[in-house]
């Protein structure tokens, strides 16, 4: 997938439980084997946590990546947001999808 092929076709949105199977495929590409039912439970739980941001990138009905950020508070920095997960599927790498996901997380952090 080249940048010109995905330009304007990427939808960044919250994950849905129906995405669990595709998210599992992406996770396995990086060696994280997670059962579909476990991913469903994680999606449901994360949707309830205000200090977490999770989004997927979808191209033509297929989830091709995901990002997760977390709001944290520490003695050193006070409030901050930290990117804690980013996966882009092999076919969508170097297409700009990762940058769009990171931008979505940055936008979420800036609004907090």
PDB file of N, CA and C in Angstrom:
ATOM      1  N   UNK A   1       0.842  -1.166   0.000  1.00  0.00           N
ATOM      2  CA  UNK A   1       0.000   0.000   0.000  1.00  0.00           C
ATOM      3  C   UNK A   1       0.896   1.240   0.000  1.00  0.00           C
ATOM      4  N   UNK A   2       0.854   2.005  -1.026  1.00  0.00           N
ATOM      5  CA  UNK A   2       1.676   3.212  -1.102  1.00  0.00           C
ATOM      6  C   UNK A   2       0.893   4.392  -0.569  1.00  0.00           C
ATOM      7  N   UNK A   3       1.602   5.480  -0.178  1.00  0.00           N
ATOM      8  CA  UNK A   3       0.884   6.644   0.350  1.00  0.00           C
ATOM      9  C   UNK A   3      -0.208   7.146  -0.582  1.00  0.00           C
ATOM     10  N   UNK A   4       0.021   7.118  -1.875  1.00  0.00           N
ATOM     11  CA  UNK A   4      -0.996   7.610  -2.797  1.00  0.00           C
ATOM     12  C   UNK A   4      -2.232   6.712  -2.825  1.00  0.00           C
ATOM     13  N   UNK A   5      -2.054   5.424  -2.513  1.00  0.00           N
ATOM     14  CA  UNK A   5      -3.191   4.505  -2.507  1.00  0.00           C
ATOM     15  C   UNK A   5      -4.087   4.698  -1.286  1.00  0.00           C
ATOM     16  N   UNK A   6      -3.508   5.111  -0.164  1.00  0.00           N
ATOM     17  CA  UNK A   6      -4.318   5.263   1.038  1.00  0.00           C
ATOM     18  C   UNK A   6      -4.771   6.689   1.285  1.00  0.00           C
ATOM     19  N   UNK A   7      -4.177   7.648   0.622  1.00  0.00           N
ATOM     20  CA  UNK A   7      -4.548   9.039   0.850  1.00  0.00           C
ATOM     21  C   UNK A   7      -6.047   9.222   0.669  1.00  0.00           C
ATOM     22  N   UNK A   8      -6.687   9.758   1.692  1.00  0.00           N
ATOM     23  CA  UNK A   8      -8.113  10.005   1.634  1.00  0.00           C
ATOM     24  C   UNK A   8      -8.981   8.792   1.872  1.00  0.00           C
ATOM     25  N   UNK A   9      -8.389   7.606   1.978  1.00  0.00           N
ATOM     26  CA  UNK A   9      -9.175   6.383   2.182  1.00  0.00           C
ATOM     27  C   UNK A   9      -9.054   5.847   3.598  1.00  0.00           C
ATOM     28  N   UNK A  10      -8.224   6.459   4.419  1.00  0.00           N
ATOM     29  CA  UNK A  10      -8.022   5.976   5.778  1.00  0.00           C
ATOM     30  C   UNK A  10      -9.040   6.629   6.703  1.00  0.00           C
ATOM     31  N   UNK A  11      -9.733   5.804   7.450  1.00  0.00           N
ATOM     32  CA  UNK A  11     -10.648   6.304   8.469  1.00  0.00           C
ATOM     33  C   UNK A  11     -10.042   5.964   9.824  1.00  0.00           C
ATOM     34  N   UNK A  12      -9.834   6.981  10.653  1.00  0.00           N
ATOM     35  CA  UNK A  12      -9.365   6.774  12.018  1.00  0.00           C
ATOM     36  C   UNK A  12     -10.598   6.834  12.911  1.00  0.00           C
ATOM     37  N   UNK A  13     -10.788   5.783  13.702  1.00  0.00           N
ATOM     38  CA  UNK A  13     -12.006   5.694  14.516  1.00  0.00           C
ATOM     39  C   UNK A  13     -11.735   4.826  15.748  1.00  0.00           C
ATOM     40  N   UNK A  14     -12.644   4.901  16.728  1.00  0.00           N
ATOM     41  CA  UNK A  14     -12.505   4.008  17.888  1.00  0.00           C
ATOM     42  C   UNK A  14     -12.686   2.551  17.460  1.00  0.00           C
ATOM     43  N   UNK A  15     -12.054   1.641  18.170  1.00  0.00           N
ATOM     44  CA  UNK A  15     -12.235   0.226  17.833  1.00  0.00           C
ATOM     45  C   UNK A  15     -13.623  -0.253  18.238  1.00  0.00           C
ATOM     46  N   UNK A  16     -14.112  -1.224  17.507  1.00  0.00           N
ATOM     47  CA  UNK A  16     -15.379  -1.893  17.829  1.00  0.00           C
ATOM     48  C   UNK A  16     -15.061  -3.351  18.143  1.00  0.00           C
ATOM     49  N   UNK A  17     -15.929  -3.972  18.912  1.00  0.00           N
ATOM     50  CA  UNK A  17     -15.680  -5.382  19.241  1.00  0.00           C
ATOM     51  C   UNK A  17     -15.628  -6.239  17.980  1.00  0.00           C
ATOM     52  N   UNK A  18     -16.327  -5.826  16.937  1.00  0.00           N
ATOM     53  CA  UNK A  18     -16.289  -6.567  15.668  1.00  0.00           C
ATOM     54  C   UNK A  18     -14.912  -6.522  15.016  1.00  0.00           C
ATOM     55  N   UNK A  19     -14.035  -5.633  15.470  1.00  0.00           N
ATOM     56  CA  UNK A  19     -12.672  -5.516  14.925  1.00  0.00           C
ATOM     57  C   UNK A  19     -11.710  -6.521  15.546  1.00  0.00           C
ATOM     58  N   UNK A  20     -12.134  -7.225  16.574  1.00  0.00           N
ATOM     59  CA  UNK A  20     -11.220  -8.055  17.364  1.00  0.00           C
ATOM     60  C   UNK A  20     -10.429  -9.047  16.512  1.00  0.00           C
ATOM     61  N   UNK A  21     -11.072  -9.688  15.569  1.00  0.00           N
ATOM     62  CA  UNK A  21     -10.355 -10.677  14.747  1.00  0.00           C
ATOM     63  C   UNK A  21      -9.251 -10.012  13.927  1.00  0.00           C
ATOM     64  N   UNK A  22      -9.562  -8.870  13.295  1.00  0.00           N
ATOM     65  CA  UNK A  22      -8.548  -8.167  12.507  1.00  0.00           C
ATOM     66  C   UNK A  22      -7.438  -7.615  13.399  1.00  0.00           C
ATOM     67  N   UNK A  23      -7.784  -7.159  14.597  1.00  0.00           N
ATOM     68  CA  UNK A  23      -6.760  -6.687  15.530  1.00  0.00           C
ATOM     69  C   UNK A  23      -5.844  -7.832  15.942  1.00  0.00           C
ATOM     70  N   UNK A  24      -6.417  -9.027  16.113  1.00  0.00           N
ATOM     71  CA  UNK A  24      -5.611 -10.188  16.438  1.00  0.00           C
ATOM     72  C   UNK A  24      -4.602 -10.518  15.350  1.00  0.00           C
ATOM     73  N   UNK A  25      -5.013 -10.393  14.100  1.00  0.00           N
ATOM     74  CA  UNK A  25      -4.097 -10.626  12.971  1.00  0.00           C
ATOM     75  C   UNK A  25      -2.940  -9.634  13.032  1.00  0.00           C
ATOM     76  N   UNK A  26      -3.251  -8.369  13.266  1.00  0.00           N
ATOM     77  CA  UNK A  26      -2.201  -7.346  13.358  1.00  0.00           C
ATOM     78  C   UNK A  26      -1.259  -7.645  14.519  1.00  0.00           C
ATOM     79  N   UNK A  27      -1.815  -7.969  15.670  1.00  0.00           N
ATOM     80  CA  UNK A  27      -0.990  -8.255  16.839  1.00  0.00           C
ATOM     81  C   UNK A  27      -0.051  -9.433  16.590  1.00  0.00           C
ATOM     82  N   UNK A  28      -0.550 -10.467  15.945  1.00  0.00           N
ATOM     83  CA  UNK A  28       0.284 -11.648  15.669  1.00  0.00           C
ATOM     84  C   UNK A  28       1.446 -11.320  14.734  1.00  0.00           C
ATOM     85  N   UNK A  29       1.282 -10.329  13.859  1.00  0.00           N
ATOM     86  CA  UNK A  29       2.391  -9.948  12.980  1.00  0.00           C
ATOM     87  C   UNK A  29       3.607  -9.488  13.775  1.00  0.00           C
ATOM     88  N   UNK A  30       3.364  -8.990  14.998  1.00  0.00           N
ATOM     89  CA  UNK A  30       4.476  -8.555  15.848  1.00  0.00           C
ATOM     90  C   UNK A  30       4.732  -9.512  17.011  1.00  0.00           C
ATOM     91  N   UNK A  31       4.121 -10.695  16.944  1.00  0.00           N
ATOM     92  CA  UNK A  31       4.390 -11.719  17.940  1.00  0.00           C
ATOM     93  C   UNK A  31       3.515 -11.682  19.175  1.00  0.00           C
ATOM     94  N   UNK A  32       2.454 -10.896  19.167  1.00  0.00           N
ATOM     95  CA  UNK A  32       1.525 -10.830  20.305  1.00  0.00           C
ATOM     96  C   UNK A  32       0.296 -11.672  19.991  1.00  0.00           C
ATOM     97  N   UNK A  33       0.279 -12.882  20.492  1.00  0.00           N
ATOM     98  CA  UNK A  33      -0.857 -13.780  20.238  1.00  0.00           C
ATOM     99  C   UNK A  33      -1.916 -13.544  21.308  1.00  0.00           C
ATOM    100  N   UNK A  34      -3.061 -13.047  20.892  1.00  0.00           N
ATOM    101  CA  UNK A  34      -4.160 -12.775  21.814  1.00  0.00           C
ATOM    102  C   UNK A  34      -5.432 -13.367  21.218  1.00  0.00           C
ATOM    103  N   UNK A  35      -6.150 -14.108  22.020  1.00  0.00           N
ATOM    104  CA  UNK A  35      -7.398 -14.711  21.567  1.00  0.00           C
ATOM    105  C   UNK A  35      -8.429 -13.622  21.268  1.00  0.00           C
ATOM    106  N   UNK A  36      -9.300 -13.883  20.311  1.00  0.00           N
ATOM    107  CA  UNK A  36     -10.313 -12.919  19.894  1.00  0.00           C
ATOM    108  C   UNK A  36     -11.182 -12.501  21.075  1.00  0.00           C
ATOM    109  N   UNK A  37     -11.611 -13.460  21.888  1.00  0.00           N
ATOM    110  CA  UNK A  37     -12.479 -13.123  23.028  1.00  0.00           C
ATOM    111  C   UNK A  37     -11.768 -12.206  24.014  1.00  0.00           C
ATOM    112  N   UNK A  38     -10.477 -12.405  24.200  1.00  0.00           N
ATOM    113  CA  UNK A  38      -9.706 -11.527  25.087  1.00  0.00           C
ATOM    114  C   UNK A  38      -9.635 -10.115  24.504  1.00  0.00           C
ATOM    115  N   UNK A  39      -9.461 -10.016  23.195  1.00  0.00           N
ATOM    116  CA  UNK A  39      -9.444  -8.695  22.560  1.00  0.00           C
ATOM    117  C   UNK A  39     -10.802  -8.008  22.667  1.00  0.00           C
ATOM    118  N   UNK A  40     -11.875  -8.751  22.535  1.00  0.00           N
ATOM    119  CA  UNK A  40     -13.218  -8.185  22.722  1.00  0.00           C
ATOM    120  C   UNK A  40     -13.327  -7.590  24.120  1.00  0.00           C
ATOM    121  N   UNK A  41     -12.894  -8.343  25.130  1.00  0.00           N
ATOM    122  CA  UNK A  41     -12.959  -7.862  26.513  1.00  0.00           C
ATOM    123  C   UNK A  41     -12.096  -6.622  26.712  1.00  0.00           C
ATOM    124  N   UNK A  42     -10.930  -6.589  26.089  1.00  0.00           N
ATOM    125  CA  UNK A  42     -10.047  -5.425  26.223  1.00  0.00           C
ATOM    126  C   UNK A  42     -10.647  -4.195  25.549  1.00  0.00           C
ATOM    127  N   UNK A  43     -11.227  -4.373  24.382  1.00  0.00           N
ATOM    128  CA  UNK A  43     -11.875  -3.255  23.685  1.00  0.00           C
ATOM    129  C   UNK A  43     -12.994  -2.692  24.555  1.00  0.00           C
ATOM    130  N   UNK A  44     -13.805  -3.562  25.113  1.00  0.00           N
ATOM    131  CA  UNK A  44     -14.912  -3.120  25.967  1.00  0.00           C
ATOM    132  C   UNK A  44     -14.396  -2.378  27.198  1.00  0.00           C
ATOM    133  N   UNK A  45     -13.374  -2.915  27.832  1.00  0.00           N
ATOM    134  CA  UNK A  45     -12.819  -2.283  29.045  1.00  0.00           C
ATOM    135  C   UNK A  45     -12.181  -0.939  28.719  1.00  0.00           C
ATOM    136  N   UNK A  46     -11.381  -0.888  27.672  1.00  0.00           N
ATOM    137  CA  UNK A  46     -10.705   0.365  27.321  1.00  0.00           C
ATOM    138  C   UNK A  46     -11.689   1.464  26.937  1.00  0.00           C
ATOM    139  N   UNK A  47     -12.822   1.082  26.376  1.00  0.00           N
ATOM    140  CA  UNK A  47     -13.812   2.096  25.995  1.00  0.00           C
ATOM    141  C   UNK A  47     -14.407   2.783  27.223  1.00  0.00           C
ATOM    142  N   UNK A  48     -14.254   2.179  28.394  1.00  0.00           N
ATOM    143  CA  UNK A  48     -14.779   2.741  29.639  1.00  0.00           C
ATOM    144  C   UNK A  48     -13.759   3.596  30.383  1.00  0.00           C
ATOM    145  N   UNK A  49     -12.514   3.591  29.974  1.00  0.00           N
ATOM    146  CA  UNK A  49     -11.445   4.271  30.704  1.00  0.00           C
ATOM    147  C   UNK A  49     -11.109   5.611  30.045  1.00  0.00           C
ATOM    148  N   UNK A  50     -11.447   6.692  30.724  1.00  0.00           N
ATOM    149  CA  UNK A  50     -11.226   8.029  30.165  1.00  0.00           C
ATOM    150  C   UNK A  50      -9.755   8.374  29.955  1.00  0.00           C
ATOM    151  N   UNK A  51      -8.869   7.773  30.741  1.00  0.00           N
ATOM    152  CA  UNK A  51      -7.447   8.119  30.627  1.00  0.00           C
ATOM    153  C   UNK A  51      -6.728   7.339  29.522  1.00  0.00           C
ATOM    154  N   UNK A  52      -7.478   6.538  28.770  1.00  0.00           N
ATOM    155  CA  UNK A  52      -6.900   5.788  27.652  1.00  0.00           C
ATOM    156  C   UNK A  52      -7.530   6.234  26.336  1.00  0.00           C
ATOM    157  N   UNK A  53      -6.713   6.257  25.306  1.00  0.00           N
ATOM    158  CA  UNK A  53      -7.175   6.545  23.944  1.00  0.00           C
ATOM    159  C   UNK A  53      -6.769   5.366  23.078  1.00  0.00           C
ATOM    160  N   UNK A  54      -7.719   4.820  22.349  1.00  0.00           N
ATOM    161  CA  UNK A  54      -7.434   3.747  21.398  1.00  0.00           C
ATOM    162  C   UNK A  54      -8.159   4.082  20.108  1.00  0.00           C
ATOM    163  N   UNK A  55      -7.450   3.940  18.993  1.00  0.00           N
ATOM    164  CA  UNK A  55      -8.063   4.169  17.684  1.00  0.00           C
ATOM    165  C   UNK A  55      -7.517   3.143  16.708  1.00  0.00           C
ATOM    166  N   UNK A  56      -8.325   2.851  15.703  1.00  0.00           N
ATOM    167  CA  UNK A  56      -7.888   1.977  14.619  1.00  0.00           C
ATOM    168  C   UNK A  56      -7.867   2.776  13.326  1.00  0.00           C
ATOM    169  N   UNK A  57      -7.069   2.315  12.394  1.00  0.00           N
ATOM    170  CA  UNK A  57      -7.065   2.848  11.035  1.00  0.00           C
ATOM    171  C   UNK A  57      -7.723   1.810  10.155  1.00  0.00           C
ATOM    172  N   UNK A  58      -8.714   2.250   9.414  1.00  0.00           N
ATOM    173  CA  UNK A  58      -9.449   1.352   8.525  1.00  0.00           C
ATOM    174  C   UNK A  58      -9.314   1.847   7.090  1.00  0.00           C
ATOM    175  N   UNK A  59      -9.016   0.927   6.197  1.00  0.00           N
ATOM    176  CA  UNK A  59      -8.937   1.226   4.765  1.00  0.00           C
ATOM    177  C   UNK A  59      -9.830   0.223   4.043  1.00  0.00           C
ATOM    178  N   UNK A  60     -10.814   0.728   3.341  1.00  0.00           N
ATOM    179  CA  UNK A  60     -11.728  -0.129   2.567  1.00  0.00           C
ATOM    180  C   UNK A  60     -12.294  -1.278   3.390  1.00  0.00           C
ATOM    181  N   UNK A  61     -12.703  -0.970   4.627  1.00  0.00           N
ATOM    182  CA  UNK A  61     -13.336  -1.973   5.473  1.00  0.00           C
ATOM    183  C   UNK A  61     -12.407  -2.898   6.225  1.00  0.00           C
ATOM    184  N   UNK A  62     -11.102  -2.711   6.075  1.00  0.00           N
ATOM    185  CA  UNK A  62     -10.125  -3.556   6.753  1.00  0.00           C
ATOM    186  C   UNK A  62      -9.330  -2.723   7.747  1.00  0.00           C
ATOM    187  N   UNK A  63      -9.221  -3.213   8.978  1.00  0.00           N
ATOM    188  CA  UNK A  63      -8.402  -2.548   9.982  1.00  0.00           C
ATOM    189  C   UNK A  63      -6.938  -2.847   9.666  1.00  0.00           C
ATOM    190  N   UNK A  64      -6.157  -1.785   9.447  1.00  0.00           N
ATOM    191  CA  UNK A  64      -4.759  -1.948   9.040  1.00  0.00           C
ATOM    192  C   UNK A  64      -3.775  -1.463  10.098  1.00  0.00           C
ATOM    193  N   UNK A  65      -4.294  -0.942  11.214  1.00  0.00           N
ATOM    194  CA  UNK A  65      -3.408  -0.498  12.278  1.00  0.00           C
ATOM    195  C   UNK A  65      -4.189  -0.035  13.480  1.00  0.00           C
ATOM    196  N   UNK A  66      -3.475   0.125  14.593  1.00  0.00           N
ATOM    197  CA  UNK A  66      -4.088   0.669  15.802  1.00  0.00           C
ATOM    198  C   UNK A  66      -3.049   1.410  16.629  1.00  0.00           C
ATOM    199  N   UNK A  67      -3.561   2.297  17.482  1.00  0.00           N
ATOM    200  CA  UNK A  67      -2.710   3.069  18.382  1.00  0.00           C
ATOM    201  C   UNK A  67      -3.383   3.131  19.746  1.00  0.00           C
ATOM    202  N   UNK A  68      -2.563   3.190  20.796  1.00  0.00           N
ATOM    203  CA  UNK A  68      -3.080   3.394  22.144  1.00  0.00           C
ATOM    204  C   UNK A  68      -2.192   4.390  22.867  1.00  0.00           C
ATOM    205  N   UNK A  69      -2.830   5.337  23.547  1.00  0.00           N
ATOM    206  CA  UNK A  69      -2.130   6.313  24.379  1.00  0.00           C
ATOM    207  C   UNK A  69      -2.790   6.334  25.746  1.00  0.00           C
ATOM    208  N   UNK A  70      -2.022   6.781  26.725  1.00  0.00           N
ATOM    209  CA  UNK A  70      -2.517   6.817  28.094  1.00  0.00           C
ATOM    210  C   UNK A  70      -2.134   8.142  28.740  1.00  0.00           C
ATOM    211  N   UNK A  71      -3.072   8.733  29.452  1.00  0.00           N
ATOM    212  CA  UNK A  71      -2.772   9.932  30.224  1.00  0.00           C
ATOM    213  C   UNK A  71      -2.167   9.487  31.540  1.00  0.00           C
ATOM    214  N   UNK A  72      -1.047  10.124  31.911  1.00  0.00           N
ATOM    215  CA  UNK A  72      -0.358   9.765  33.147  1.00  0.00           C
ATOM    216  C   UNK A  72      -0.021  11.033  33.922  1.00  0.00           C
ATOM    217  N   UNK A  73       0.244  10.853  35.182  1.00  0.00           N
ATOM    218  CA  UNK A  73       0.675  11.945  36.042  1.00  0.00           C
ATOM    219  C   UNK A  73       1.868  11.448  36.841  1.00  0.00           C
ATOM    220  N   UNK A  74       2.945  12.231  36.831  1.00  0.00           N
ATOM    221  CA  UNK A  74       4.135  11.815  37.565  1.00  0.00           C
ATOM    222  C   UNK A  74       4.750  13.008  38.287  1.00  0.00           C
ATOM    223  N   UNK A  75       5.594  12.713  39.248  1.00  0.00           N
ATOM    224  CA  UNK A  75       6.312  13.762  39.979  1.00  0.00           C
ATOM    225  C   UNK A  75       7.207  14.569  39.044  1.00  0.00           C
ATOM    226  N   UNK A  76       7.799  13.904  38.067  1.00  0.00           N
ATOM    227  CA  UNK A  76       8.759  14.574  37.189  1.00  0.00           C
ATOM    228  C   UNK A  76       8.092  15.527  36.203  1.00  0.00           C
ATOM    229  N   UNK A  77       6.977  15.102  35.627  1.00  0.00           N
ATOM    230  CA  UNK A  77       6.412  15.867  34.508  1.00  0.00           C
ATOM    231  C   UNK A  77       4.998  16.377  34.731  1.00  0.00           C
ATOM    232  N   UNK A  78       4.351  15.952  35.803  1.00  0.00           N
ATOM    233  CA  UNK A  78       2.943  16.298  35.966  1.00  0.00           C
ATOM    234  C   UNK A  78       2.127  15.514  34.955  1.00  0.00           C
ATOM    235  N   UNK A  79       1.114  16.175  34.388  1.00  0.00           N
ATOM    236  CA  UNK A  79       0.278  15.504  33.385  1.00  0.00           C
ATOM    237  C   UNK A  79       1.041  15.307  32.093  1.00  0.00           C
ATOM    238  N   UNK A  80       0.874  14.138  31.518  1.00  0.00           N
ATOM    239  CA  UNK A  80       1.443  13.861  30.199  1.00  0.00           C
ATOM    240  C   UNK A  80       0.660  12.728  29.573  1.00  0.00           C
ATOM    241  N   UNK A  81       0.778  12.598  28.285  1.00  0.00           N
ATOM    242  CA  UNK A  81       0.214  11.460  27.575  1.00  0.00           C
ATOM    243  C   UNK A  81       1.374  10.678  26.982  1.00  0.00           C
ATOM    244  N   UNK A  82       1.242   9.382  27.034  1.00  0.00           N
ATOM    245  CA  UNK A  82       2.310   8.519  26.531  1.00  0.00           C
ATOM    246  C   UNK A  82       1.733   7.524  25.535  1.00  0.00           C
ATOM    247  N   UNK A  83       2.393   7.402  24.406  1.00  0.00           N
ATOM    248  CA  UNK A  83       2.019   6.403  23.406  1.00  0.00           C
ATOM    249  C   UNK A  83       2.476   5.054  23.948  1.00  0.00           C
ATOM    250  N   UNK A  84       1.535   4.130  24.131  1.00  0.00           N
ATOM    251  CA  UNK A  84       1.906   2.846  24.722  1.00  0.00           C
ATOM    252  C   UNK A  84       1.713   1.673  23.773  1.00  0.00           C
ATOM    253  N   UNK A  85       1.185   1.929  22.586  1.00  0.00           N
ATOM    254  CA  UNK A  85       1.037   0.862  21.607  1.00  0.00           C
ATOM    255  C   UNK A  85       0.786   1.428  20.224  1.00  0.00           C
ATOM    256  N   UNK A  86       1.441   0.853  19.234  1.00  0.00           N
ATOM    257  CA  UNK A  86       1.241   1.254  17.838  1.00  0.00           C
ATOM    258  C   UNK A  86       1.601   0.063  16.962  1.00  0.00           C
ATOM    259  N   UNK A  87       0.630  -0.386  16.185  1.00  0.00           N
ATOM    260  CA  UNK A  87       0.882  -1.467  15.228  1.00  0.00           C
ATOM    261  C   UNK A  87       0.269  -1.069  13.892  1.00  0.00           C
ATOM    262  N   UNK A  88       1.061  -1.188  12.846  1.00  0.00           N
ATOM    263  CA  UNK A  88       0.572  -1.026  11.475  1.00  0.00           C
ATOM    264  C   UNK A  88       0.883  -2.327  10.759  1.00  0.00           C
ATOM    265  N   UNK A  89      -0.124  -2.888  10.115  1.00  0.00           N
ATOM    266  CA  UNK A  89       0.046  -4.143   9.401  1.00  0.00           C
ATOM    267  C   UNK A  89       1.096  -4.039   8.309  1.00  0.00           C
ATOM    268  N   UNK A  90       1.732  -5.161   8.014  1.00  0.00           N
ATOM    269  CA  UNK A  90       2.829  -5.193   7.043  1.00  0.00           C
ATOM    270  C   UNK A  90       2.443  -4.568   5.704  1.00  0.00           C
ATOM    271  N   UNK A  91       1.235  -4.830   5.235  1.00  0.00           N
ATOM    272  CA  UNK A  91       0.820  -4.319   3.924  1.00  0.00           C
ATOM    273  C   UNK A  91       0.605  -2.808   3.908  1.00  0.00           C
ATOM    274  N   UNK A  92       0.410  -2.205   5.091  1.00  0.00           N
ATOM    275  CA  UNK A  92       0.128  -0.766   5.153  1.00  0.00           C
ATOM    276  C   UNK A  92       1.314   0.054   5.645  1.00  0.00           C
ATOM    277  N   UNK A  93       2.417  -0.589   5.936  1.00  0.00           N
ATOM    278  CA  UNK A  93       3.590   0.152   6.421  1.00  0.00           C
ATOM    279  C   UNK A  93       4.145   1.054   5.322  1.00  0.00           C
ATOM    280  N   UNK A  94       4.690   2.177   5.752  1.00  0.00           N
ATOM    281  CA  UNK A  94       5.301   3.180   4.864  1.00  0.00           C
ATOM    282  C   UNK A  94       4.257   3.834   3.952  1.00  0.00           C
ATOM    283  N   UNK A  95       3.001   3.818   4.405  1.00  0.00           N
ATOM    284  CA  UNK A  95       1.934   4.430   3.614  1.00  0.00           C
ATOM    285  C   UNK A  95       1.379   5.682   4.269  1.00  0.00           C
ATOM    286  N   UNK A  96       1.861   6.009   5.456  1.00  0.00           N
ATOM    287  CA  UNK A  96       1.349   7.163   6.176  1.00  0.00           C
ATOM    288  C   UNK A  96       0.315   6.816   7.228  1.00  0.00           C
ATOM    289  N   UNK A  97      -0.096   5.565   7.301  1.00  0.00           N
ATOM    290  CA  UNK A  97      -1.103   5.147   8.277  1.00  0.00           C
ATOM    291  C   UNK A  97      -0.592   5.358   9.700  1.00  0.00           C
ATOM    292  N   UNK A  98       0.635   4.980   9.961  1.00  0.00           N
ATOM    293  CA  UNK A  98       1.199   5.153  11.303  1.00  0.00           C
ATOM    294  C   UNK A  98       1.210   6.613  11.722  1.00  0.00           C
ATOM    295  N   UNK A  99       1.566   7.488  10.806  1.00  0.00           N
ATOM    296  CA  UNK A  99       1.571   8.915  11.099  1.00  0.00           C
ATOM    297  C   UNK A  99       0.183   9.440  11.424  1.00  0.00           C
ATOM    298  N   UNK A 100      -0.823   8.951  10.706  1.00  0.00           N
ATOM    299  CA  UNK A 100      -2.200   9.360  10.985  1.00  0.00           C
ATOM    300  C   UNK A 100      -2.650   8.877  12.360  1.00  0.00           C
ATOM    301  N   UNK A 101      -2.263   7.672  12.728  1.00  0.00           N
ATOM    302  CA  UNK A 101      -2.614   7.151  14.046  1.00  0.00           C
ATOM    303  C   UNK A 101      -1.930   7.951  15.153  1.00  0.00           C
ATOM    304  N   UNK A 102      -0.654   8.241  14.977  1.00  0.00           N
ATOM    305  CA  UNK A 102       0.070   9.041  15.974  1.00  0.00           C
ATOM    306  C   UNK A 102      -0.542  10.435  16.082  1.00  0.00           C
ATOM    307  N   UNK A 103      -0.910  11.030  14.962  1.00  0.00           N
ATOM    308  CA  UNK A 103      -1.539  12.349  14.981  1.00  0.00           C
ATOM    309  C   UNK A 103      -2.862  12.323  15.750  1.00  0.00           C
ATOM    310  N   UNK A 104      -3.634  11.271  15.574  1.00  0.00           N
ATOM    311  CA  UNK A 104      -4.895  11.146  16.311  1.00  0.00           C
ATOM    312  C   UNK A 104      -4.637  11.088  17.820  1.00  0.00           C
ATOM    313  N   UNK A 105      -3.607  10.348  18.228  1.00  0.00           N
ATOM    314  CA  UNK A 105      -3.254  10.269  19.648  1.00  0.00           C
ATOM    315  C   UNK A 105      -2.764  11.623  20.157  1.00  0.00           C
ATOM    316  N   UNK A 106      -1.976  12.317  19.349  1.00  0.00           N
ATOM    317  CA  UNK A 106      -1.501  13.648  19.747  1.00  0.00           C
ATOM    318  C   UNK A 106      -2.664  14.625  19.886  1.00  0.00           C
ATOM    319  N   UNK A 107      -3.620  14.562  18.983  1.00  0.00           N
ATOM    320  CA  UNK A 107      -4.801  15.432  19.058  1.00  0.00           C
ATOM    321  C   UNK A 107      -5.589  15.152  20.331  1.00  0.00           C
ATOM    322  N   UNK A 108      -5.766  13.869  20.661  1.00  0.00           N
ATOM    323  CA  UNK A 108      -6.453  13.498  21.897  1.00  0.00           C
ATOM    324  C   UNK A 108      -5.718  14.065  23.106  1.00  0.00           C
ATOM    325  N   UNK A 109      -4.403  13.922  23.123  1.00  0.00           N
ATOM    326  CA  UNK A 109      -3.610  14.404  24.259  1.00  0.00           C
ATOM    327  C   UNK A 109      -3.703  15.926  24.389  1.00  0.00           C
ATOM    328  N   UNK A 110      -3.661  16.620  23.280  1.00  0.00           N
ATOM    329  CA  UNK A 110      -3.712  18.084  23.305  1.00  0.00           C
ATOM    330  C   UNK A 110      -5.051  18.590  23.825  1.00  0.00           C
ATOM    331  N   UNK A 111      -6.094  17.821  23.630  1.00  0.00           N
ATOM    332  CA  UNK A 111      -7.436  18.219  24.075  1.00  0.00           C
ATOM    333  C   UNK A 111      -7.673  17.948  25.555  1.00  0.00           C
ATOM    334  N   UNK A 112      -6.732  17.273  26.211  1.00  0.00           N
ATOM    335  CA  UNK A 112      -6.939  16.897  27.622  1.00  0.00           C
ATOM    336  C   UNK A 112      -6.392  17.891  28.573  1.00  0.00           C
TER     337      UNK A 112
END
